[in-house]
Amino acid sequence: MPKEADHLEGGEDKESKEERAQDASEETVRKRVRANTPSPHRGNTPQASPPRFVSVEELMETAKGVTNMALAHEIMVNHAFQVKPAELPEGSLERRVKEIMHKAFWDCLEAQLKEDPPTYGHAIKLLAEIKETLLSFLLPGHGRLRSRIEEVLDLPLIQQQAENGALDISRLSKFIVEMMGSLCAPCRDEDVNKLKEITDVVPLLKAIFSVLDLMKVDMANFAVSSIRPHLMQQSVEYERSKFQEFLEKQPNALDYTEKWLEDTVRCLREAAVEGSSAASSNPPSLVPLNVHNHAYLRLLRWDHTSDPFPETLLMDQVRFQEMQQEAEQLVLLSSVLLVVYTTTGEAISGLPGLMETLKNTVNVMLADMHTP
C-alpha cells in the first residue's frame, strides 16, 4: 500500500508539473499574441489605454447597446424619422425564396379548405396570429375591445368548432376586418375598405395579413412620435452613460475622439504662436469653449476617405458630410459673386434682381458638384 501511495503521489506531482508547464506555455503564447497583434488604429493615434480581449457575449451586448443608442439618437435629431416596411431588393434570391414560400403556404391553405371535410389546421394558426396582432394594437383603455376580441377569437372554441365541422371562417374574417377598421390609422381606411370587397377566404386572409403589416408600421411610428419628447429630455445623459459603458469594456474606445481634440489644441496653439512673437504658454484661444468650437469647425473640412471620424460623432458622420458639401457650395457661390461684383463694379451694382438671378444660376450649375 505505501508503494502504491508513493506511486500515486509521484503521478500527481508529475501531472501537476505538466499542467503548470502547459499553463505557463499558454500564458507565453497569450503575451506574444498581445504583443504582435496589430492595433486597429493608425500609427499616429495615441495608445494611452491598451486594448483588452473581450468575450463574444460582451461584443454582442455592446453591439446591441450601439444599435439602441443609434436608434434613439436618430429619433431625437431627425424629426422626419419613420419606420418603413422592410422590402427585399427586386430580383434578389431572398425575395424569390420568400415569394415561393408564401405561395406554397397559401396554396396549402387553399387545398386544406377545399378538402371534404375541410382541414382547418393552418387556418387556426393564422387566426391565432391575427388575434395576437390585434391585441398588440390595443391601448390600456381598450378594455371593451379586448374582451370582444377574446370572446370572438376564442381559440379553444374555434378548435372545437373545427372538429365538429361548424367553423365559419368567413364570419370570423368579417369580424377581423371590422376590428381592423376600428384600430387602424385614418390613412389605412381605404385599405381596410378594400378588404370588405374580397369574398374568397384565402385571398381575404392574405390581404388581411398585408394590411396588418402596414398597421404594425403605423403603430411603430406612433410609438416613435410618442417617445421623442422623453428622449429629448434624457438623450444627453443616456448617450453619456452608454459611452461610459463602452469605455469600461474597452478603454481605447475613444482614441479617435481624443486625437481629434488634441489636434485641435495643437492647431490653435500653433496659430497663436504664429500670430504673436511672444505667445503665452496657455493663450486665450485655448479655453475649452474655443477648442470645442474650432473642433467642430474642423469637421466641415474633414477628409472622410482617410481620417477616422471621432467615435462620439460617428452617428452623425453622414450629416457632417452633407453640411461639408453645402459649405463648399456656399463658398464657391460667394466667391463667384465676389469676383463678378469686384471686376464689374458700379456698372451692375444697382441693377434690380441681378444678385438673385446670379445666385439661382450658379446654384443650378453647382448642384451636382459632388457627384462623379
Protein backbone atom coordinates (compact mmCIF):
# COMPACT_ATOMS: atom_id res chain seq x y z
CA MET A 1 0.00 0.00 0.00
CA PRO A 2 2.73 2.56 0.83
CA LYS A 3 4.35 1.90 -2.53
CA GLU A 4 1.06 2.44 -4.30
CA ALA A 5 0.54 5.66 -2.37
CA ASP A 6 4.04 6.84 -3.30
CA HIS A 7 3.35 5.97 -6.90
CA LEU A 8 0.06 7.95 -6.88
CA GLU A 9 1.73 10.93 -5.24
CA GLY A 10 4.52 10.83 -7.81
CA GLY A 11 1.97 10.65 -10.63
CA GLU A 12 0.03 13.58 -9.21
CA ASP A 13 3.23 15.63 -8.86
CA LYS A 14 4.13 14.82 -12.44
CA GLU A 15 0.65 15.73 -13.69
CA SER A 16 0.60 18.98 -11.71
CA LYS A 17 4.01 19.90 -13.11
CA GLU A 18 2.80 19.22 -16.62
CA GLU A 19 -0.33 21.33 -16.03
CA ARG A 20 1.77 24.20 -14.64
CA ALA A 21 4.12 23.97 -17.62
CA GLN A 22 1.15 23.97 -20.01
CA ASP A 23 -0.39 26.99 -18.28
CA ALA A 24 2.94 28.82 -18.45
CA SER A 25 3.26 27.97 -22.12
CA GLU A 26 -0.28 29.22 -22.83
CA GLU A 27 0.42 32.43 -20.94
CA THR A 28 3.55 32.94 -23.02
CA VAL A 29 1.55 32.47 -26.21
CA ARG A 30 -1.05 34.97 -24.99
CA LYS A 31 1.67 37.54 -24.29
CA ARG A 32 3.14 37.05 -27.76
CA VAL A 33 -0.29 37.41 -29.36
CA ARG A 34 -0.92 40.63 -27.44
CA ALA A 35 2.49 41.97 -28.39
CA ASN A 36 2.28 41.07 -32.08
CA THR A 37 -1.39 41.75 -32.81
CA PRO A 38 -1.59 44.96 -34.88
CA SER A 39 -3.72 47.72 -33.42
CA PRO A 40 -6.78 48.77 -35.43
CA HIS A 41 -5.64 52.39 -35.03
CA ARG A 42 -3.09 54.16 -37.18
CA GLY A 43 0.42 54.78 -36.06
CA ASN A 44 -0.19 58.44 -35.22
CA THR A 45 -3.07 57.58 -32.89
CA PRO A 46 -2.20 57.79 -29.18
CA GLN A 47 -2.24 54.45 -27.39
CA ALA A 48 -2.83 55.66 -23.86
CA SER A 49 -5.05 52.72 -22.91
CA PRO A 50 -4.07 49.26 -24.13
CA PRO A 51 -6.88 47.21 -25.70
CA ARG A 52 -8.10 44.19 -23.81
CA PHE A 53 -9.70 40.98 -25.02
CA VAL A 54 -13.48 40.75 -24.74
CA SER A 55 -15.79 37.79 -24.93
CA VAL A 56 -18.37 37.15 -27.65
CA GLU A 57 -21.13 37.86 -25.12
CA GLU A 58 -19.63 41.28 -24.36
CA LEU A 59 -19.32 42.03 -28.06
CA MET A 60 -22.96 41.10 -28.66
CA GLU A 61 -24.10 43.17 -25.69
CA THR A 62 -22.03 46.13 -26.87
CA ALA A 63 -23.39 45.81 -30.42
CA LYS A 64 -26.93 45.80 -29.05
CA GLY A 65 -26.13 48.89 -26.98
CA VAL A 66 -24.72 50.68 -30.03
CA THR A 67 -27.81 49.81 -32.07
CA ASN A 68 -30.16 51.07 -29.37
CA MET A 69 -28.18 54.28 -28.91
CA ALA A 70 -28.02 54.91 -32.66
CA LEU A 71 -31.77 54.39 -32.98
CA ALA A 72 -32.51 56.72 -30.05
CA HIS A 73 -30.11 59.32 -31.47
CA GLU A 74 -31.74 59.16 -34.91
CA ILE A 75 -35.23 59.56 -33.44
CA MET A 76 -34.06 62.56 -31.44
CA VAL A 77 -32.21 64.52 -34.14
CA ASN A 78 -34.26 63.52 -37.18
CA HIS A 79 -37.83 64.71 -36.71
CA ALA A 80 -38.77 63.17 -40.06
CA PHE A 81 -37.61 59.72 -38.94
CA GLN A 82 -40.13 56.96 -39.63
CA VAL A 83 -40.13 53.20 -39.58
CA LYS A 84 -40.63 51.81 -43.07
CA PRO A 85 -41.69 48.32 -44.18
CA ALA A 86 -38.75 46.10 -44.97
CA GLU A 87 -38.58 45.39 -48.69
CA LEU A 88 -36.16 42.92 -50.23
CA PRO A 89 -34.43 44.04 -53.46
CA GLU A 90 -36.25 43.22 -56.66
CA GLY A 91 -34.86 40.07 -58.25
CA SER A 92 -32.81 39.10 -55.19
CA LEU A 93 -32.53 35.49 -54.05
CA GLU A 94 -34.06 36.32 -50.67
CA ARG A 95 -37.11 37.89 -52.29
CA ARG A 96 -37.54 34.95 -54.65
CA VAL A 97 -37.32 32.44 -51.79
CA LYS A 98 -39.81 34.46 -49.75
CA GLU A 99 -42.28 34.59 -52.64
CA ILE A 100 -42.01 30.83 -53.24
CA MET A 101 -42.53 30.03 -49.55
CA HIS A 102 -45.52 32.35 -49.27
CA LYS A 103 -47.11 30.92 -52.40
CA ALA A 104 -46.60 27.38 -51.13
CA PHE A 105 -48.17 28.29 -47.79
CA TRP A 106 -51.27 29.91 -49.28
CA ASP A 107 -51.66 27.11 -51.83
CA CYS A 108 -51.55 24.58 -48.99
CA LEU A 109 -54.15 26.56 -47.03
CA GLU A 110 -56.45 26.68 -50.04
CA ALA A 111 -56.05 22.93 -50.59
CA GLN A 112 -56.90 22.19 -46.96
CA LEU A 113 -60.04 24.32 -47.04
CA LYS A 114 -61.22 22.57 -50.26
CA GLU A 115 -60.94 19.11 -48.72
CA ASP A 116 -64.10 17.23 -47.80
CA PRO A 117 -64.39 17.69 -44.91
CA PRO A 118 -62.13 20.80 -44.74
CA THR A 119 -58.94 20.77 -42.68
CA TYR A 120 -58.52 23.87 -40.51
CA GLY A 121 -55.03 23.34 -39.06
CA HIS A 122 -53.34 26.15 -40.99
CA ALA A 123 -56.37 28.42 -40.74
CA ILE A 124 -56.50 28.19 -36.93
CA LYS A 125 -52.81 29.08 -36.71
CA LEU A 126 -53.47 32.14 -38.85
CA LEU A 127 -56.40 33.16 -36.67
CA ALA A 128 -54.21 32.84 -33.58
CA GLU A 129 -51.58 35.08 -35.13
CA ILE A 130 -54.20 37.64 -36.20
CA LYS A 131 -55.65 37.65 -32.70
CA GLU A 132 -52.22 38.28 -31.17
CA THR A 133 -51.61 41.14 -33.61
CA LEU A 134 -54.97 42.78 -32.92
CA LEU A 135 -54.37 42.59 -29.17
CA SER A 136 -50.95 44.23 -29.62
CA PHE A 137 -52.65 47.29 -31.14
CA LEU A 138 -54.80 47.89 -28.06
CA LEU A 139 -54.06 50.61 -25.53
CA PRO A 140 -54.64 50.16 -21.77
CA GLY A 141 -58.05 51.88 -22.06
CA HIS A 142 -59.36 49.49 -24.71
CA GLY A 143 -60.86 47.02 -22.25
CA ARG A 144 -64.12 46.54 -24.14
CA LEU A 145 -62.35 45.85 -27.44
CA ARG A 146 -60.02 43.40 -25.71
CA SER A 147 -62.96 41.49 -24.26
CA ARG A 148 -64.67 41.44 -27.65
CA ILE A 149 -61.59 40.05 -29.41
CA GLU A 150 -61.08 37.41 -26.73
CA GLU A 151 -64.73 36.42 -27.00
CA VAL A 152 -64.97 36.06 -30.78
CA LEU A 153 -61.46 34.72 -31.41
CA ASP A 154 -61.64 32.15 -28.62
CA LEU A 155 -59.11 29.62 -29.91
CA PRO A 156 -60.29 26.60 -27.86
CA LEU A 157 -63.84 27.24 -29.05
CA ILE A 158 -62.64 27.67 -32.65
CA GLN A 159 -60.74 24.39 -32.40
CA GLN A 160 -63.85 22.65 -31.08
CA GLN A 161 -65.97 24.10 -33.90
CA ALA A 162 -63.42 22.91 -36.46
CA GLU A 163 -63.50 19.37 -35.07
CA ASN A 164 -67.30 19.34 -35.28
CA GLY A 165 -67.44 20.86 -38.77
CA ALA A 166 -69.15 24.04 -37.54
CA LEU A 167 -66.36 26.59 -38.07
CA ASP A 168 -67.35 29.63 -40.15
CA ILE A 169 -64.10 31.24 -41.39
CA SER A 170 -66.00 33.87 -43.39
CA ARG A 171 -67.79 35.15 -40.27
CA LEU A 172 -64.54 35.38 -38.33
CA SER A 173 -62.81 37.14 -41.23
CA LYS A 174 -65.59 39.71 -41.37
CA PHE A 175 -65.21 40.38 -37.63
CA ILE A 176 -61.44 40.76 -38.07
CA VAL A 177 -61.90 43.32 -40.86
CA GLU A 178 -64.36 45.31 -38.74
CA MET A 179 -61.93 45.28 -35.81
CA MET A 180 -59.09 46.42 -38.07
CA GLY A 181 -61.25 49.34 -39.20
CA SER A 182 -61.68 50.36 -35.55
CA LEU A 183 -57.97 50.16 -34.75
CA CYS A 184 -56.24 51.38 -37.91
CA ALA A 185 -54.91 54.86 -38.58
CA PRO A 186 -57.02 57.12 -40.85
CA CYS A 187 -54.54 56.59 -43.70
CA ARG A 188 -55.46 52.86 -43.70
CA ASP A 189 -59.22 53.31 -44.03
CA GLU A 190 -59.09 52.82 -47.79
CA ASP A 191 -57.04 49.62 -47.45
CA VAL A 192 -59.49 48.21 -44.90
CA ASN A 193 -62.48 49.11 -47.09
CA LYS A 194 -60.92 47.16 -49.96
CA LEU A 195 -60.85 44.08 -47.71
CA LYS A 196 -64.63 44.19 -47.47
CA GLU A 197 -64.87 43.66 -51.22
CA ILE A 198 -62.99 40.33 -51.13
CA THR A 199 -65.27 37.30 -50.83
CA ASP A 200 -62.92 34.31 -51.16
CA VAL A 201 -61.46 33.21 -47.82
CA VAL A 202 -57.83 32.61 -48.82
CA PRO A 203 -57.32 35.88 -50.77
CA LEU A 204 -59.07 37.70 -47.90
CA LEU A 205 -56.77 36.23 -45.25
CA LYS A 206 -53.75 37.01 -47.40
CA ALA A 207 -54.88 40.62 -47.82
CA ILE A 208 -55.63 40.87 -44.09
CA PHE A 209 -52.03 39.98 -43.27
CA SER A 210 -50.72 42.56 -45.75
CA VAL A 211 -52.79 45.32 -44.14
CA LEU A 212 -51.85 44.15 -40.65
CA ASP A 213 -48.18 44.53 -41.57
CA LEU A 214 -48.86 48.13 -42.60
CA MET A 215 -50.74 48.73 -39.35
CA LYS A 216 -47.73 47.43 -37.40
CA VAL A 217 -45.58 50.04 -39.13
CA ASP A 218 -48.15 52.73 -38.29
CA MET A 219 -48.12 51.65 -34.65
CA ALA A 220 -44.32 51.74 -34.57
CA ASN A 221 -44.28 55.28 -35.99
CA PHE A 222 -46.90 56.32 -33.44
CA ALA A 223 -44.66 54.95 -30.70
CA VAL A 224 -41.67 56.85 -32.13
CA SER A 225 -43.56 60.14 -32.11
CA SER A 226 -44.74 59.45 -28.57
CA ILE A 227 -41.31 58.73 -27.08
CA ARG A 228 -39.47 61.55 -28.89
CA PRO A 229 -40.23 64.22 -26.20
CA HIS A 230 -38.95 61.88 -23.49
CA LEU A 231 -35.81 61.12 -25.48
CA MET A 232 -35.16 64.84 -25.88
CA GLN A 233 -35.07 65.16 -22.09
CA GLN A 234 -32.93 62.08 -21.43
CA SER A 235 -30.73 61.85 -24.54
CA VAL A 236 -27.62 63.58 -23.19
CA GLU A 237 -27.39 61.50 -20.03
CA TYR A 238 -28.34 58.35 -21.93
CA GLU A 239 -25.58 58.71 -24.53
CA ARG A 240 -23.05 59.74 -21.88
CA SER A 241 -23.82 56.64 -19.82
CA LYS A 242 -23.60 54.42 -22.93
CA PHE A 243 -20.18 55.78 -23.88
CA GLN A 244 -19.07 55.26 -20.28
CA GLU A 245 -20.12 51.62 -20.53
CA PHE A 246 -18.10 51.26 -23.74
CA LEU A 247 -15.05 52.78 -22.04
CA GLU A 248 -15.32 50.39 -19.13
CA LYS A 249 -15.36 47.42 -21.52
CA GLN A 250 -12.76 48.78 -23.96
CA PRO A 251 -10.55 51.59 -22.58
CA ASN A 252 -9.32 52.66 -26.03
CA ALA A 253 -12.84 53.06 -27.45
CA LEU A 254 -12.49 56.86 -27.82
CA ASP A 255 -8.94 57.17 -29.14
CA TYR A 256 -10.03 58.97 -32.31
CA THR A 257 -12.06 61.46 -30.30
CA GLU A 258 -9.05 62.21 -28.10
CA LYS A 259 -6.85 62.65 -31.17
CA TRP A 260 -9.42 64.97 -32.76
CA LEU A 261 -9.41 67.27 -29.71
CA GLU A 262 -5.63 67.09 -29.23
CA ASP A 263 -5.05 68.02 -32.88
CA THR A 264 -7.42 70.96 -32.46
CA VAL A 265 -5.48 72.19 -29.43
CA ARG A 266 -2.21 71.86 -31.35
CA CYS A 267 -3.58 73.80 -34.32
CA LEU A 268 -4.83 76.60 -32.06
CA ARG A 269 -1.51 76.75 -30.21
CA GLU A 270 0.44 76.93 -33.50
CA ALA A 271 -1.87 79.67 -34.76
CA ALA A 272 -1.35 81.63 -31.55
CA VAL A 273 2.42 81.26 -31.83
CA GLU A 274 2.40 82.47 -35.43
CA GLY A 275 0.20 85.44 -34.55
CA SER A 276 2.27 86.59 -31.60
CA SER A 277 6.05 86.88 -31.26
CA ALA A 278 5.84 86.08 -27.56
CA ALA A 279 2.92 83.74 -27.12
CA SER A 280 1.99 82.64 -23.62
CA SER A 281 2.08 79.00 -22.59
CA ASN A 282 -1.71 78.96 -22.43
CA PRO A 283 -3.08 81.53 -24.88
CA PRO A 284 -6.69 82.75 -24.56
CA SER A 285 -7.68 80.77 -27.68
CA LEU A 286 -7.19 77.51 -25.76
CA VAL A 287 -10.12 77.96 -23.41
CA PRO A 288 -12.46 74.93 -23.57
CA LEU A 289 -15.21 76.76 -25.47
CA ASN A 290 -12.85 77.88 -28.25
CA VAL A 291 -11.36 74.39 -28.52
CA HIS A 292 -14.86 72.93 -28.72
CA ASN A 293 -15.98 75.37 -31.43
CA HIS A 294 -12.84 75.00 -33.56
CA ALA A 295 -13.01 71.22 -33.25
CA TYR A 296 -16.48 71.21 -34.78
CA LEU A 297 -15.43 73.66 -37.49
CA ARG A 298 -12.65 71.26 -38.45
CA LEU A 299 -15.30 68.62 -39.14
CA LEU A 300 -16.57 70.80 -42.02
CA ARG A 301 -13.19 70.30 -43.74
CA TRP A 302 -12.74 66.66 -42.74
CA ASP A 303 -11.23 64.13 -45.14
CA HIS A 304 -13.74 61.31 -44.70
CA THR A 305 -11.84 58.98 -47.02
CA SER A 306 -8.64 58.75 -44.97
CA ASP A 307 -9.07 60.26 -41.49
CA PRO A 308 -11.06 58.20 -38.96
CA PHE A 309 -14.07 60.12 -37.69
CA PRO A 310 -14.39 60.77 -33.91
CA GLU A 311 -16.25 57.92 -32.23
CA THR A 312 -18.63 60.21 -30.35
CA LEU A 313 -19.87 61.65 -33.67
CA LEU A 314 -19.99 58.54 -35.84
CA MET A 315 -23.79 58.50 -35.74
CA ASP A 316 -23.81 61.96 -37.37
CA GLN A 317 -20.99 61.46 -39.88
CA VAL A 318 -23.38 61.49 -42.86
CA ARG A 319 -24.92 64.74 -41.62
CA PHE A 320 -21.48 66.33 -41.31
CA GLN A 321 -20.65 65.20 -44.84
CA GLU A 322 -23.83 66.87 -46.11
CA MET A 323 -23.02 70.07 -44.20
CA GLN A 324 -19.48 69.97 -45.60
CA GLN A 325 -20.81 69.77 -49.15
CA GLU A 326 -23.26 72.61 -48.53
CA ALA A 327 -20.47 74.73 -47.02
CA GLU A 328 -18.21 74.11 -50.04
CA GLN A 329 -21.05 75.05 -52.37
CA LEU A 330 -21.71 78.27 -50.43
CA VAL A 331 -18.00 79.19 -50.54
CA LEU A 332 -17.93 78.73 -54.32
CA LEU A 333 -21.14 80.70 -54.76
CA SER A 334 -19.84 83.55 -52.62
CA SER A 335 -16.53 83.55 -54.50
CA VAL A 336 -18.27 83.78 -57.88
CA LEU A 337 -20.47 86.67 -56.73
CA LEU A 338 -17.48 88.46 -55.20
CA VAL A 339 -15.45 88.14 -58.39
CA VAL A 340 -18.34 89.32 -60.57
CA TYR A 341 -19.14 92.40 -58.46
CA THR A 342 -15.47 93.23 -57.88
CA THR A 343 -14.46 93.12 -61.54
CA THR A 344 -17.60 94.77 -62.92
CA GLY A 345 -18.03 97.43 -60.25
CA GLU A 346 -20.67 100.10 -60.36
CA ALA A 347 -22.00 99.08 -63.75
CA ILE A 348 -24.14 96.32 -62.19
CA SER A 349 -24.29 97.38 -58.55
CA GLY A 350 -27.73 98.95 -58.89
CA LEU A 351 -29.42 96.50 -61.22
CA PRO A 352 -32.54 95.07 -59.54
CA GLY A 353 -32.77 91.31 -59.24
CA LEU A 354 -29.30 90.66 -60.67
CA MET A 355 -27.93 89.23 -57.42
CA GLU A 356 -30.82 86.79 -57.08
CA THR A 357 -30.54 85.74 -60.73
CA LEU A 358 -26.82 85.10 -60.39
CA LYS A 359 -27.32 83.06 -57.21
CA ASN A 360 -30.00 80.90 -58.80
CA THR A 361 -27.93 80.33 -61.95
CA VAL A 362 -24.73 79.45 -60.09
CA ASN A 363 -26.64 77.20 -57.68
CA VAL A 364 -28.01 75.21 -60.61
CA MET A 365 -24.51 74.89 -62.07
CA LEU A 366 -23.08 73.70 -58.74
CA ALA A 367 -25.96 71.37 -57.83
CA ASP A 368 -24.06 68.21 -58.88
CA MET A 369 -20.56 69.36 -57.96
CA HIS A 370 -20.07 66.42 -55.54
CA THR A 371 -21.25 63.70 -57.91
CA PRO A 372 -18.92 61.79 -60.27
